[in-house]
Amino acid sequence: QVQLVESGGGSVQPGGSLRLSCAASGFTFRSRNMAWLRQAPGQRLEWVATLGTSGFVNNYSKFAEGRFTISRDNARSDLSLEMNNLKPEDTAVYYCASLRPDKSWSSKKRDDYDFWGQGTQVTVSS
């Protein structure tokens, strides 16, 4: 049974930091490109970052570049997202997802990802 379980969300003040984690099981995590996406209330799904299988090749959205860091531990089947200098506009539910082979690394199409977590809420407010 495939599972992706996110954790680490919460409420922080602007300028604060959070580290999200995603525990994967039920599929060969190390062979899949993995991504973080987010969705704010009433907004479309937004791609955040993608990390290749080795953990050395990554791609970030413009809003994440320089503030967020995606990483993975293939031995533990774990994906992380370190978020710094958080802004109110970062408020959203954050999802980890497994990118289907041969799909764009910056895809924001839900169908381009085959496995999803349940999401974790991040709220940035003063």
PDB file of N, CA and C in Angstrom:
ATOM      1  N   GLN A   1       0.844  -1.192   0.000  1.00  0.00           N
ATOM      2  CA  GLN A   1       0.000   0.000   0.000  1.00  0.00           C
ATOM      3  C   GLN A   1       0.881   1.245   0.000  1.00  0.00           C
ATOM      4  N   VAL A   2       0.665   2.101  -0.987  1.00  0.00           N
ATOM      5  CA  VAL A   2       1.441   3.324  -1.093  1.00  0.00           C
ATOM      6  C   VAL A   2       0.968   4.336  -0.058  1.00  0.00           C
ATOM      7  N   GLN A   3       1.926   4.928   0.628  1.00  0.00           N
ATOM      8  CA  GLN A   3       1.604   5.984   1.582  1.00  0.00           C
ATOM      9  C   GLN A   3       2.633   7.085   1.513  1.00  0.00           C
ATOM     10  N   LEU A   4       2.148   8.317   1.567  1.00  0.00           N
ATOM     11  CA  LEU A   4       2.978   9.494   1.742  1.00  0.00           C
ATOM     12  C   LEU A   4       2.357  10.263   2.898  1.00  0.00           C
ATOM     13  N   VAL A   5       3.108  10.442   3.948  1.00  0.00           N
ATOM     14  CA  VAL A   5       2.573  11.080   5.145  1.00  0.00           C
ATOM     15  C   VAL A   5       3.399  12.314   5.471  1.00  0.00           C
ATOM     16  N   GLU A   6       2.773  13.482   5.312  1.00  0.00           N
ATOM     17  CA  GLU A   6       3.450  14.745   5.616  1.00  0.00           C
ATOM     18  C   GLU A   6       3.313  15.083   7.097  1.00  0.00           C
ATOM     19  N   SER A   7       4.283  15.824   7.579  1.00  0.00           N
ATOM     20  CA  SER A   7       4.247  16.336   8.944  1.00  0.00           C
ATOM     21  C   SER A   7       5.083  17.608   9.006  1.00  0.00           C
ATOM     22  N   GLY A   8       4.961  18.320  10.103  1.00  0.00           N
ATOM     23  CA  GLY A   8       5.793  19.504  10.309  1.00  0.00           C
ATOM     24  C   GLY A   8       5.120  20.828  10.058  1.00  0.00           C
ATOM     25  N   GLY A   9       3.902  20.813   9.590  1.00  0.00           N
ATOM     26  CA  GLY A   9       3.201  22.073   9.375  1.00  0.00           C
ATOM     27  C   GLY A   9       2.847  22.739  10.693  1.00  0.00           C
ATOM     28  N   GLY A  10       2.377  23.956  10.595  1.00  0.00           N
ATOM     29  CA  GLY A  10       1.987  24.680  11.798  1.00  0.00           C
ATOM     30  C   GLY A  10       1.797  26.140  11.515  1.00  0.00           C
ATOM     31  N   SER A  11       1.723  26.924  12.580  1.00  0.00           N
ATOM     32  CA  SER A  11       1.537  28.371  12.470  1.00  0.00           C
ATOM     33  C   SER A  11       2.805  29.082  12.892  1.00  0.00           C
ATOM     34  N   VAL A  12       3.232  30.013  12.074  1.00  0.00           N
ATOM     35  CA  VAL A  12       4.432  30.787  12.378  1.00  0.00           C
ATOM     36  C   VAL A  12       4.188  32.240  12.010  1.00  0.00           C
ATOM     37  N   GLN A  13       5.012  33.110  12.571  1.00  0.00           N
ATOM     38  CA  GLN A  13       4.946  34.522  12.233  1.00  0.00           C
ATOM     39  C   GLN A  13       5.750  34.780  10.962  1.00  0.00           C
ATOM     40  N   PRO A  14       5.440  35.858  10.275  1.00  0.00           N
ATOM     41  CA  PRO A  14       6.246  36.218   9.098  1.00  0.00           C
ATOM     42  C   PRO A  14       7.725  36.293   9.461  1.00  0.00           C
ATOM     43  N   GLY A  15       8.549  35.756   8.570  1.00  0.00           N
ATOM     44  CA  GLY A  15       9.981  35.699   8.824  1.00  0.00           C
ATOM     45  C   GLY A  15      10.422  34.415   9.511  1.00  0.00           C
ATOM     46  N   GLY A  16       9.473  33.628   9.964  1.00  0.00           N
ATOM     47  CA  GLY A  16       9.799  32.394  10.659  1.00  0.00           C
ATOM     48  C   GLY A  16      10.145  31.254   9.716  1.00  0.00           C
ATOM     49  N   SER A  17      10.404  30.090  10.312  1.00  0.00           N
ATOM     50  CA  SER A  17      10.821  28.920   9.549  1.00  0.00           C
ATOM     51  C   SER A  17      10.021  27.693   9.951  1.00  0.00           C
ATOM     52  N   LEU A  18       9.903  26.780   9.018  1.00  0.00           N
ATOM     53  CA  LEU A  18       9.301  25.478   9.270  1.00  0.00           C
ATOM     54  C   LEU A  18      10.022  24.439   8.425  1.00  0.00           C
ATOM     55  N   ARG A  19      10.026  23.219   8.921  1.00  0.00           N
ATOM     56  CA  ARG A  19      10.574  22.115   8.151  1.00  0.00           C
ATOM     57  C   ARG A  19       9.487  21.058   7.997  1.00  0.00           C
ATOM     58  N   LEU A  20       9.122  20.806   6.764  1.00  0.00           N
ATOM     59  CA  LEU A  20       8.124  19.779   6.462  1.00  0.00           C
ATOM     60  C   LEU A  20       8.829  18.468   6.134  1.00  0.00           C
ATOM     61  N   SER A  21       8.204  17.384   6.535  1.00  0.00           N
ATOM     62  CA  SER A  21       8.722  16.063   6.210  1.00  0.00           C
ATOM     63  C   SER A  21       7.632  15.236   5.553  1.00  0.00           C
ATOM     64  N   CYS A  22       8.073  14.276   4.746  1.00  0.00           N
ATOM     65  CA  CYS A  22       7.142  13.375   4.060  1.00  0.00           C
ATOM     66  C   CYS A  22       7.732  11.973   4.115  1.00  0.00           C
ATOM     67  N   ALA A  23       7.062  11.096   4.826  1.00  0.00           N
ATOM     68  CA  ALA A  23       7.508   9.710   4.950  1.00  0.00           C
ATOM     69  C   ALA A  23       6.818   8.870   3.898  1.00  0.00           C
ATOM     70  N   ALA A  24       7.607   8.203   3.072  1.00  0.00           N
ATOM     71  CA  ALA A  24       7.075   7.422   1.962  1.00  0.00           C
ATOM     72  C   ALA A  24       7.193   5.929   2.238  1.00  0.00           C
ATOM     73  N   SER A  25       6.229   5.183   1.745  1.00  0.00           N
ATOM     74  CA  SER A  25       6.280   3.724   1.841  1.00  0.00           C
ATOM     75  C   SER A  25       5.414   3.119   0.748  1.00  0.00           C
ATOM     76  N   GLY A  26       5.681   1.858   0.452  1.00  0.00           N
ATOM     77  CA  GLY A  26       4.846   1.136  -0.495  1.00  0.00           C
ATOM     78  C   GLY A  26       5.249   1.270  -1.952  1.00  0.00           C
ATOM     79  N   PHE A  27       6.306   2.004  -2.222  1.00  0.00           N
ATOM     80  CA  PHE A  27       6.825   2.109  -3.588  1.00  0.00           C
ATOM     81  C   PHE A  27       8.332   2.385  -3.496  1.00  0.00           C
ATOM     82  N   THR A  28       9.002   2.298  -4.633  1.00  0.00           N
ATOM     83  CA  THR A  28      10.452   2.460  -4.648  1.00  0.00           C
ATOM     84  C   THR A  28      10.800   3.944  -4.659  1.00  0.00           C
ATOM     85  N   PHE A  29      10.837   4.511  -3.480  1.00  0.00           N
ATOM     86  CA  PHE A  29      11.041   5.953  -3.301  1.00  0.00           C
ATOM     87  C   PHE A  29      12.305   6.432  -4.019  1.00  0.00           C
ATOM     88  N   ARG A  30      13.389   5.684  -3.906  1.00  0.00           N
ATOM     89  CA  ARG A  30      14.681   6.163  -4.409  1.00  0.00           C
ATOM     90  C   ARG A  30      14.704   6.287  -5.936  1.00  0.00           C
ATOM     91  N   SER A  31      13.759   5.682  -6.597  1.00  0.00           N
ATOM     92  CA  SER A  31      13.751   5.724  -8.051  1.00  0.00           C
ATOM     93  C   SER A  31      12.772   6.750  -8.612  1.00  0.00           C
ATOM     94  N   ARG A  32      12.174   7.551  -7.742  1.00  0.00           N
ATOM     95  CA  ARG A  32      11.166   8.504  -8.176  1.00  0.00           C
ATOM     96  C   ARG A  32      11.612   9.931  -7.904  1.00  0.00           C
ATOM     97  N   ASN A  33      11.377  10.796  -8.901  1.00  0.00           N
ATOM     98  CA  ASN A  33      11.508  12.225  -8.674  1.00  0.00           C
ATOM     99  C   ASN A  33      10.349  12.661  -7.775  1.00  0.00           C
ATOM    100  N   MET A  34      10.659  13.439  -6.763  1.00  0.00           N
ATOM    101  CA  MET A  34       9.659  13.815  -5.770  1.00  0.00           C
ATOM    102  C   MET A  34       9.487  15.326  -5.734  1.00  0.00           C
ATOM    103  N   ALA A  35       8.285  15.746  -5.383  1.00  0.00           N
ATOM    104  CA  ALA A  35       7.973  17.170  -5.417  1.00  0.00           C
ATOM    105  C   ALA A  35       7.137  17.596  -4.216  1.00  0.00           C
ATOM    106  N   TRP A  36       7.181  18.887  -3.970  1.00  0.00           N
ATOM    107  CA  TRP A  36       6.275  19.541  -3.032  1.00  0.00           C
ATOM    108  C   TRP A  36       5.386  20.489  -3.850  1.00  0.00           C
ATOM    109  N   LEU A  37       4.118  20.468  -3.530  1.00  0.00           N
ATOM    110  CA  LEU A  37       3.153  21.391  -4.110  1.00  0.00           C
ATOM    111  C   LEU A  37       2.324  21.980  -2.982  1.00  0.00           C
ATOM    112  N   ARG A  38       1.589  23.032  -3.277  1.00  0.00           N
ATOM    113  CA  ARG A  38       0.764  23.643  -2.239  1.00  0.00           C
ATOM    114  C   ARG A  38      -0.517  24.176  -2.843  1.00  0.00           C
ATOM    115  N   GLN A  39      -1.490  24.344  -1.987  1.00  0.00           N
ATOM    116  CA  GLN A  39      -2.769  24.899  -2.427  1.00  0.00           C
ATOM    117  C   GLN A  39      -3.364  25.742  -1.317  1.00  0.00           C
ATOM    118  N   ALA A  40      -3.569  26.998  -1.620  1.00  0.00           N
ATOM    119  CA  ALA A  40      -4.214  27.908  -0.682  1.00  0.00           C
ATOM    120  C   ALA A  40      -5.721  27.864  -0.906  1.00  0.00           C
ATOM    121  N   PRO A  41      -6.509  28.235   0.100  1.00  0.00           N
ATOM    122  CA  PRO A  41      -7.965  28.206  -0.044  1.00  0.00           C
ATOM    123  C   PRO A  41      -8.431  29.020  -1.246  1.00  0.00           C
ATOM    124  N   GLY A  42      -9.228  28.401  -2.090  1.00  0.00           N
ATOM    125  CA  GLY A  42      -9.768  29.086  -3.240  1.00  0.00           C
ATOM    126  C   GLY A  42      -8.792  29.307  -4.366  1.00  0.00           C
ATOM    127  N   GLN A  43      -7.585  28.758  -4.212  1.00  0.00           N
ATOM    128  CA  GLN A  43      -6.559  28.957  -5.232  1.00  0.00           C
ATOM    129  C   GLN A  43      -6.237  27.637  -5.942  1.00  0.00           C
ATOM    130  N   ARG A  44      -5.566  27.757  -7.066  1.00  0.00           N
ATOM    131  CA  ARG A  44      -5.171  26.561  -7.806  1.00  0.00           C
ATOM    132  C   ARG A  44      -3.963  25.907  -7.152  1.00  0.00           C
ATOM    133  N   LEU A  45      -3.777  24.670  -7.499  1.00  0.00           N
ATOM    134  CA  LEU A  45      -2.590  23.947  -7.052  1.00  0.00           C
ATOM    135  C   LEU A  45      -1.345  24.646  -7.592  1.00  0.00           C
ATOM    136  N   GLU A  46      -0.340  24.784  -6.747  1.00  0.00           N
ATOM    137  CA  GLU A  46       0.881  25.504  -7.104  1.00  0.00           C
ATOM    138  C   GLU A  46       2.089  24.609  -6.866  1.00  0.00           C
ATOM    139  N   TRP A  47       2.933  24.498  -7.846  1.00  0.00           N
ATOM    140  CA  TRP A  47       4.137  23.700  -7.697  1.00  0.00           C
ATOM    141  C   TRP A  47       5.177  24.493  -6.904  1.00  0.00           C
ATOM    142  N   VAL A  48       5.885  23.806  -6.005  1.00  0.00           N
ATOM    143  CA  VAL A  48       6.868  24.457  -5.147  1.00  0.00           C
ATOM    144  C   VAL A  48       8.295  24.083  -5.560  1.00  0.00           C
ATOM    145  N   ALA A  49       8.583  22.780  -5.586  1.00  0.00           N
ATOM    146  CA  ALA A  49       9.945  22.328  -5.889  1.00  0.00           C
ATOM    147  C   ALA A  49       9.926  20.848  -6.223  1.00  0.00           C
ATOM    148  N   THR A  50      10.924  20.439  -6.983  1.00  0.00           N
ATOM    149  CA  THR A  50      11.099  19.033  -7.341  1.00  0.00           C
ATOM    150  C   THR A  50      12.549  18.642  -7.124  1.00  0.00           C
ATOM    151  N   LEU A  51      12.752  17.413  -6.698  1.00  0.00           N
ATOM    152  CA  LEU A  51      14.100  16.900  -6.448  1.00  0.00           C
ATOM    153  C   LEU A  51      14.265  15.577  -7.166  1.00  0.00           C
ATOM    154  N   GLY A  52      15.392  15.425  -7.855  1.00  0.00           N
ATOM    155  CA  GLY A  52      15.670  14.200  -8.576  1.00  0.00           C
ATOM    156  C   GLY A  52      16.020  13.049  -7.653  1.00  0.00           C
ATOM    157  N   THR A  53      16.151  11.882  -8.252  1.00  0.00           N
ATOM    158  CA  THR A  53      16.324  10.663  -7.473  1.00  0.00           C
ATOM    159  C   THR A  53      17.596  10.660  -6.628  1.00  0.00           C
ATOM    160  N   SER A  54      18.653  11.268  -7.143  1.00  0.00           N
ATOM    161  CA  SER A  54      19.923  11.265  -6.414  1.00  0.00           C
ATOM    162  C   SER A  54      19.949  12.282  -5.285  1.00  0.00           C
ATOM    163  N   GLY A  55      19.072  13.252  -5.352  1.00  0.00           N
ATOM    164  CA  GLY A  55      19.063  14.322  -4.366  1.00  0.00           C
ATOM    165  C   GLY A  55      19.955  15.490  -4.718  1.00  0.00           C
ATOM    166  N   PHE A  56      20.601  15.439  -5.865  1.00  0.00           N
ATOM    167  CA  PHE A  56      21.532  16.509  -6.242  1.00  0.00           C
ATOM    168  C   PHE A  56      20.957  17.464  -7.275  1.00  0.00           C
ATOM    169  N   VAL A  57      19.951  17.041  -7.998  1.00  0.00           N
ATOM    170  CA  VAL A  57      19.366  17.889  -9.034  1.00  0.00           C
ATOM    171  C   VAL A  57      17.998  18.346  -8.566  1.00  0.00           C
ATOM    172  N   ASN A  58      17.801  19.659  -8.579  1.00  0.00           N
ATOM    173  CA  ASN A  58      16.536  20.174  -8.087  1.00  0.00           C
ATOM    174  C   ASN A  58      16.022  21.302  -8.975  1.00  0.00           C
ATOM    175  N   ASN A  59      14.798  21.674  -8.734  1.00  0.00           N
ATOM    176  CA  ASN A  59      14.170  22.753  -9.477  1.00  0.00           C
ATOM    177  C   ASN A  59      13.185  23.430  -8.527  1.00  0.00           C
ATOM    178  N   TYR A  60      13.243  24.757  -8.476  1.00  0.00           N
ATOM    179  CA  TYR A  60      12.392  25.513  -7.564  1.00  0.00           C
ATOM    180  C   TYR A  60      11.540  26.507  -8.337  1.00  0.00           C
ATOM    181  N   SER A  61      10.371  26.755  -7.810  1.00  0.00           N
ATOM    182  CA  SER A  61       9.556  27.846  -8.338  1.00  0.00           C
ATOM    183  C   SER A  61      10.208  29.164  -7.948  1.00  0.00           C
ATOM    184  N   LYS A  62       9.803  30.227  -8.603  1.00  0.00           N
ATOM    185  CA  LYS A  62      10.415  31.530  -8.342  1.00  0.00           C
ATOM    186  C   LYS A  62      10.199  31.965  -6.900  1.00  0.00           C
ATOM    187  N   PHE A  63       9.026  31.692  -6.361  1.00  0.00           N
ATOM    188  CA  PHE A  63       8.753  32.156  -4.998  1.00  0.00           C
ATOM    189  C   PHE A  63       9.511  31.343  -3.958  1.00  0.00           C
ATOM    190  N   ALA A  64       9.934  30.138  -4.317  1.00  0.00           N
ATOM    191  CA  ALA A  64      10.650  29.280  -3.380  1.00  0.00           C
ATOM    192  C   ALA A  64      12.162  29.454  -3.456  1.00  0.00           C
ATOM    193  N   GLU A  65      12.642  29.876  -4.609  1.00  0.00           N
ATOM    194  CA  GLU A  65      14.088  29.999  -4.807  1.00  0.00           C
ATOM    195  C   GLU A  65      14.704  30.919  -3.758  1.00  0.00           C
ATOM    196  N   GLY A  66      15.724  30.418  -3.082  1.00  0.00           N
ATOM    197  CA  GLY A  66      16.435  31.208  -2.086  1.00  0.00           C
ATOM    198  C   GLY A  66      15.846  31.162  -0.687  1.00  0.00           C
ATOM    199  N   ARG A  67      14.624  30.685  -0.559  1.00  0.00           N
ATOM    200  CA  ARG A  67      13.991  30.612   0.766  1.00  0.00           C
ATOM    201  C   ARG A  67      13.708  29.175   1.186  1.00  0.00           C
ATOM    202  N   PHE A  68      13.392  28.322   0.229  1.00  0.00           N
ATOM    203  CA  PHE A  68      13.040  26.933   0.509  1.00  0.00           C
ATOM    204  C   PHE A  68      14.155  26.012   0.028  1.00  0.00           C
ATOM    205  N   THR A  69      14.326  24.897   0.742  1.00  0.00           N
ATOM    206  CA  THR A  69      15.294  23.883   0.334  1.00  0.00           C
ATOM    207  C   THR A  69      14.631  22.518   0.388  1.00  0.00           C
ATOM    208  N   ILE A  70      14.648  21.841  -0.746  1.00  0.00           N
ATOM    209  CA  ILE A  70      14.096  20.480  -0.806  1.00  0.00           C
ATOM    210  C   ILE A  70      15.238  19.488  -0.673  1.00  0.00           C
ATOM    211  N   SER A  71      15.003  18.426   0.075  1.00  0.00           N
ATOM    212  CA  SER A  71      16.037  17.412   0.260  1.00  0.00           C
ATOM    213  C   SER A  71      15.374  16.059   0.442  1.00  0.00           C
ATOM    214  N   ARG A  72      16.187  15.024   0.357  1.00  0.00           N
ATOM    215  CA  ARG A  72      15.650  13.681   0.520  1.00  0.00           C
ATOM    216  C   ARG A  72      16.682  12.775   1.175  1.00  0.00           C
ATOM    217  N   ASP A  73      16.166  11.747   1.830  1.00  0.00           N
ATOM    218  CA  ASP A  73      16.994  10.703   2.410  1.00  0.00           C
ATOM    219  C   ASP A  73      16.463   9.390   1.852  1.00  0.00           C
ATOM    220  N   ASN A  74      17.131   8.871   0.851  1.00  0.00           N
ATOM    221  CA  ASN A  74      16.630   7.660   0.206  1.00  0.00           C
ATOM    222  C   ASN A  74      16.708   6.438   1.124  1.00  0.00           C
ATOM    223  N   ALA A  75      17.640   6.436   2.030  1.00  0.00           N
ATOM    224  CA  ALA A  75      17.746   5.307   2.952  1.00  0.00           C
ATOM    225  C   ALA A  75      16.532   5.242   3.875  1.00  0.00           C
ATOM    226  N   ARG A  76      15.976   6.398   4.197  1.00  0.00           N
ATOM    227  CA  ARG A  76      14.817   6.459   5.080  1.00  0.00           C
ATOM    228  C   ARG A  76      13.521   6.701   4.317  1.00  0.00           C
ATOM    229  N   SER A  77      13.602   6.820   3.001  1.00  0.00           N
ATOM    230  CA  SER A  77      12.416   7.124   2.188  1.00  0.00           C
ATOM    231  C   SER A  77      11.695   8.362   2.705  1.00  0.00           C
ATOM    232  N   ASP A  78      12.458   9.415   2.846  1.00  0.00           N
ATOM    233  CA  ASP A  78      11.932  10.642   3.429  1.00  0.00           C
ATOM    234  C   ASP A  78      12.256  11.840   2.536  1.00  0.00           C
ATOM    235  N   LEU A  79      11.275  12.697   2.373  1.00  0.00           N
ATOM    236  CA  LEU A  79      11.425  13.932   1.615  1.00  0.00           C
ATOM    237  C   LEU A  79      11.185  15.097   2.563  1.00  0.00           C
ATOM    238  N   SER A  80      11.990  16.138   2.439  1.00  0.00           N
ATOM    239  CA  SER A  80      11.841  17.278   3.336  1.00  0.00           C
ATOM    240  C   SER A  80      11.756  18.582   2.552  1.00  0.00           C
ATOM    241  N   LEU A  81      11.194  19.588   3.224  1.00  0.00           N
ATOM    242  CA  LEU A  81      11.172  20.941   2.672  1.00  0.00           C
ATOM    243  C   LEU A  81      11.452  21.899   3.815  1.00  0.00           C
ATOM    244  N   GLU A  82      12.611  22.515   3.775  1.00  0.00           N
ATOM    245  CA  GLU A  82      12.987  23.527   4.746  1.00  0.00           C
ATOM    246  C   GLU A  82      12.535  24.866   4.202  1.00  0.00           C
ATOM    247  N   MET A  83      11.729  25.577   4.998  1.00  0.00           N
ATOM    248  CA  MET A  83      11.177  26.851   4.548  1.00  0.00           C
ATOM    249  C   MET A  83      11.612  27.960   5.503  1.00  0.00           C
ATOM    250  N   ASN A  84      12.277  28.949   4.976  1.00  0.00           N
ATOM    251  CA  ASN A  84      12.764  30.078   5.759  1.00  0.00           C
ATOM    252  C   ASN A  84      12.147  31.379   5.265  1.00  0.00           C
ATOM    253  N   ASN A  85      12.224  32.400   6.124  1.00  0.00           N
ATOM    254  CA  ASN A  85      11.685  33.715   5.775  1.00  0.00           C
ATOM    255  C   ASN A  85      10.267  33.599   5.223  1.00  0.00           C
ATOM    256  N   LEU A  86       9.440  32.913   5.953  1.00  0.00           N
ATOM    257  CA  LEU A  86       8.082  32.663   5.484  1.00  0.00           C
ATOM    258  C   LEU A  86       7.269  33.951   5.429  1.00  0.00           C
ATOM    259  N   LYS A  87       6.375  34.003   4.457  1.00  0.00           N
ATOM    260  CA  LYS A  87       5.532  35.173   4.222  1.00  0.00           C
ATOM    261  C   LYS A  87       4.065  34.762   4.334  1.00  0.00           C
ATOM    262  N   PRO A  88       3.180  35.702   4.609  1.00  0.00           N
ATOM    263  CA  PRO A  88       1.754  35.360   4.690  1.00  0.00           C
ATOM    264  C   PRO A  88       1.248  34.671   3.424  1.00  0.00           C
ATOM    265  N   GLU A  89       1.790  35.016   2.290  1.00  0.00           N
ATOM    266  CA  GLU A  89       1.343  34.387   1.038  1.00  0.00           C
ATOM    267  C   GLU A  89       1.810  32.941   0.886  1.00  0.00           C
ATOM    268  N   ASP A  90       2.636  32.472   1.808  1.00  0.00           N
ATOM    269  CA  ASP A  90       3.024  31.061   1.817  1.00  0.00           C
ATOM    270  C   ASP A  90       1.988  30.186   2.522  1.00  0.00           C
ATOM    271  N   THR A  91       0.995  30.800   3.102  1.00  0.00           N
ATOM    272  CA  THR A  91      -0.066  30.056   3.777  1.00  0.00           C
ATOM    273  C   THR A  91      -0.795  29.161   2.791  1.00  0.00           C
ATOM    274  N   ALA A  92      -0.811  27.856   3.083  1.00  0.00           N
ATOM    275  CA  ALA A  92      -1.419  26.876   2.179  1.00  0.00           C
ATOM    276  C   ALA A  92      -1.332  25.498   2.820  1.00  0.00           C
ATOM    277  N   VAL A  93      -1.993  24.550   2.202  1.00  0.00           N
ATOM    278  CA  VAL A  93      -1.765  23.145   2.516  1.00  0.00           C
ATOM    279  C   VAL A  93      -0.654  22.664   1.588  1.00  0.00           C
ATOM    280  N   TYR A  94       0.364  22.063   2.185  1.00  0.00           N
ATOM    281  CA  TYR A  94       1.516  21.590   1.433  1.00  0.00           C
ATOM    282  C   TYR A  94       1.438  20.077   1.270  1.00  0.00           C
ATOM    283  N   TYR A  95       1.689  19.630   0.040  1.00  0.00           N
ATOM    284  CA  TYR A  95       1.617  18.214  -0.300  1.00  0.00           C
ATOM    285  C   TYR A  95       2.955  17.734  -0.857  1.00  0.00           C
ATOM    286  N   CYS A  96       3.319  16.521  -0.494  1.00  0.00           N
ATOM    287  CA  CYS A  96       4.406  15.875  -1.219  1.00  0.00           C
ATOM    288  C   CYS A  96       3.776  14.919  -2.221  1.00  0.00           C
ATOM    289  N   ALA A  97       4.463  14.732  -3.336  1.00  0.00           N
ATOM    290  CA  ALA A  97       3.914  13.906  -4.394  1.00  0.00           C
ATOM    291  C   ALA A  97       5.038  13.295  -5.223  1.00  0.00           C
ATOM    292  N   SER A  98       4.715  12.168  -5.814  1.00  0.00           N
ATOM    293  CA  SER A  98       5.660  11.467  -6.674  1.00  0.00           C
ATOM    294  C   SER A  98       5.354  11.813  -8.125  1.00  0.00           C
ATOM    295  N   LEU A  99       6.337  12.350  -8.810  1.00  0.00           N
ATOM    296  CA  LEU A  99       6.155  12.767 -10.195  1.00  0.00           C
ATOM    297  C   LEU A  99       6.183  11.557 -11.125  1.00  0.00           C
ATOM    298  N   ARG A 100       5.217  11.480 -12.000  1.00  0.00           N
ATOM    299  CA  ARG A 100       5.204  10.388 -12.982  1.00  0.00           C
ATOM    300  C   ARG A 100       6.413  10.521 -13.901  1.00  0.00           C
ATOM    301  N   PRO A 101       6.976   9.401 -14.339  1.00  0.00           N
ATOM    302  CA  PRO A 101       8.123   9.455 -15.255  1.00  0.00           C
ATOM    303  C   PRO A 101       7.802  10.269 -16.495  1.00  0.00           C
ATOM    304  N   ASP A 102       8.778  11.001 -16.973  1.00  0.00           N
ATOM    305  CA  ASP A 102       8.704  11.778 -18.212  1.00  0.00           C
ATOM    306  C   ASP A 102       7.760  12.975 -18.117  1.00  0.00           C
ATOM    307  N   LYS A 103       7.348  13.342 -16.928  1.00  0.00           N
ATOM    308  CA  LYS A 103       6.528  14.544 -16.765  1.00  0.00           C
ATOM    309  C   LYS A 103       7.428  15.711 -16.376  1.00  0.00           C
ATOM    310  N   SER A 104       6.935  16.898 -16.665  1.00  0.00           N
ATOM    311  CA  SER A 104       7.711  18.106 -16.393  1.00  0.00           C
ATOM    312  C   SER A 104       7.993  18.266 -14.913  1.00  0.00           C
ATOM    313  N   TRP A 105       9.194  18.651 -14.588  1.00  0.00           N
ATOM    314  CA  TRP A 105       9.579  18.851 -13.196  1.00  0.00           C
ATOM    315  C   TRP A 105       8.861  20.031 -12.559  1.00  0.00           C
ATOM    316  N   SER A 106       8.298  20.901 -13.353  1.00  0.00           N
ATOM    317  CA  SER A 106       7.600  22.054 -12.802  1.00  0.00           C
ATOM    318  C   SER A 106       6.089  21.945 -13.002  1.00  0.00           C
ATOM    319  N   SER A 107       5.625  20.747 -13.191  1.00  0.00           N
ATOM    320  CA  SER A 107       4.209  20.560 -13.467  1.00  0.00           C
ATOM    321  C   SER A 107       3.346  20.929 -12.258  1.00  0.00           C
ATOM    322  N   LYS A 108       2.234  21.572 -12.539  1.00  0.00           N
ATOM    323  CA  LYS A 108       1.231  21.846 -11.515  1.00  0.00           C
ATOM    324  C   LYS A 108      -0.077  21.131 -11.839  1.00  0.00           C
ATOM    325  N   LYS A 109       0.043  20.130 -12.708  1.00  0.00           N
ATOM    326  CA  LYS A 109      -1.119  19.327 -13.054  1.00  0.00           C
ATOM    327  C   LYS A 109      -1.214  18.140 -12.105  1.00  0.00           C
ATOM    328  N   ARG A 110      -2.319  18.025 -11.419  1.00  0.00           N
ATOM    329  CA  ARG A 110      -2.480  16.961 -10.441  1.00  0.00           C
ATOM    330  C   ARG A 110      -2.255  15.587 -11.053  1.00  0.00           C
ATOM    331  N   ASP A 111      -2.692  15.377 -12.275  1.00  0.00           N
ATOM    332  CA  ASP A 111      -2.580  14.061 -12.910  1.00  0.00           C
ATOM    333  C   ASP A 111      -1.153  13.701 -13.281  1.00  0.00           C
ATOM    334  N   ASP A 112      -0.242  14.645 -13.254  1.00  0.00           N
ATOM    335  CA  ASP A 112       1.158  14.342 -13.552  1.00  0.00           C
ATOM    336  C   ASP A 112       1.869  13.711 -12.357  1.00  0.00           C
ATOM    337  N   TYR A 113       1.176  13.618 -11.248  1.00  0.00           N
ATOM    338  CA  TYR A 113       1.720  12.989 -10.043  1.00  0.00           C
ATOM    339  C   TYR A 113       0.864  11.796  -9.696  1.00  0.00           C
ATOM    340  N   ASP A 114       1.488  10.675  -9.383  1.00  0.00           N
ATOM    341  CA  ASP A 114       0.684   9.477  -9.142  1.00  0.00           C
ATOM    342  C   ASP A 114       0.437   9.197  -7.666  1.00  0.00           C
ATOM    343  N   PHE A 115       1.337   9.577  -6.793  1.00  0.00           N
ATOM    344  CA  PHE A 115       1.127   9.344  -5.357  1.00  0.00           C
ATOM    345  C   PHE A 115       1.144  10.675  -4.617  1.00  0.00           C
ATOM    346  N   TRP A 116       0.202  10.839  -3.690  1.00  0.00           N
ATOM    347  CA  TRP A 116       0.043  12.084  -2.944  1.00  0.00           C
ATOM    348  C   TRP A 116      -0.068  11.807  -1.454  1.00  0.00           C
ATOM    349  N   GLY A 117       0.425  12.751  -0.679  1.00  0.00           N
ATOM    350  CA  GLY A 117       0.152  12.724   0.747  1.00  0.00           C
ATOM    351  C   GLY A 117      -1.154  13.418   1.043  1.00  0.00           C
ATOM    352  N   GLN A 118      -1.522  13.429   2.321  1.00  0.00           N
ATOM    353  CA  GLN A 118      -2.789  14.035   2.728  1.00  0.00           C
ATOM    354  C   GLN A 118      -2.669  15.537   2.913  1.00  0.00           C
ATOM    355  N   GLY A 119      -1.441  16.030   2.968  1.00  0.00           N
ATOM    356  CA  GLY A 119      -1.210  17.456   3.107  1.00  0.00           C
ATOM    357  C   GLY A 119      -0.990  17.873   4.549  1.00  0.00           C
ATOM    358  N   THR A 120      -0.262  18.952   4.721  1.00  0.00           N
ATOM    359  CA  THR A 120      -0.030  19.535   6.036  1.00  0.00           C
ATOM    360  C   THR A 120      -0.204  21.051   5.924  1.00  0.00           C
ATOM    361  N   GLN A 121      -0.923  21.618   6.886  1.00  0.00           N
ATOM    362  CA  GLN A 121      -1.270  23.035   6.834  1.00  0.00           C
ATOM    363  C   GLN A 121      -0.111  23.897   7.320  1.00  0.00           C
ATOM    364  N   VAL A 122       0.197  24.907   6.544  1.00  0.00           N
ATOM    365  CA  VAL A 122       1.168  25.922   6.945  1.00  0.00           C
ATOM    366  C   VAL A 122       0.450  27.264   6.973  1.00  0.00           C
ATOM    367  N   THR A 123       0.493  27.922   8.112  1.00  0.00           N
ATOM    368  CA  THR A 123      -0.153  29.231   8.269  1.00  0.00           C
ATOM    369  C   THR A 123       0.884  30.245   8.721  1.00  0.00           C
ATOM    370  N   VAL A 124       1.008  31.320   7.963  1.00  0.00           N
ATOM    371  CA  VAL A 124       1.961  32.379   8.282  1.00  0.00           C
ATOM    372  C   VAL A 124       1.169  33.647   8.564  1.00  0.00           C
ATOM    373  N   SER A 125       1.199  34.065   9.804  1.00  0.00           N
ATOM    374  CA  SER A 125       0.386  35.200  10.210  1.00  0.00           C
ATOM    375  C   SER A 125       0.977  35.847  11.449  1.00  0.00           C
ATOM    376  N   SER A 126       0.815  37.158  11.533  1.00  0.00           N
ATOM    377  CA  SER A 126       1.260  37.867  12.716  1.00  0.00           C
ATOM    378  C   SER A 126       0.128  38.016  13.724  1.00  0.00           C
TER     379      SER A 126
END
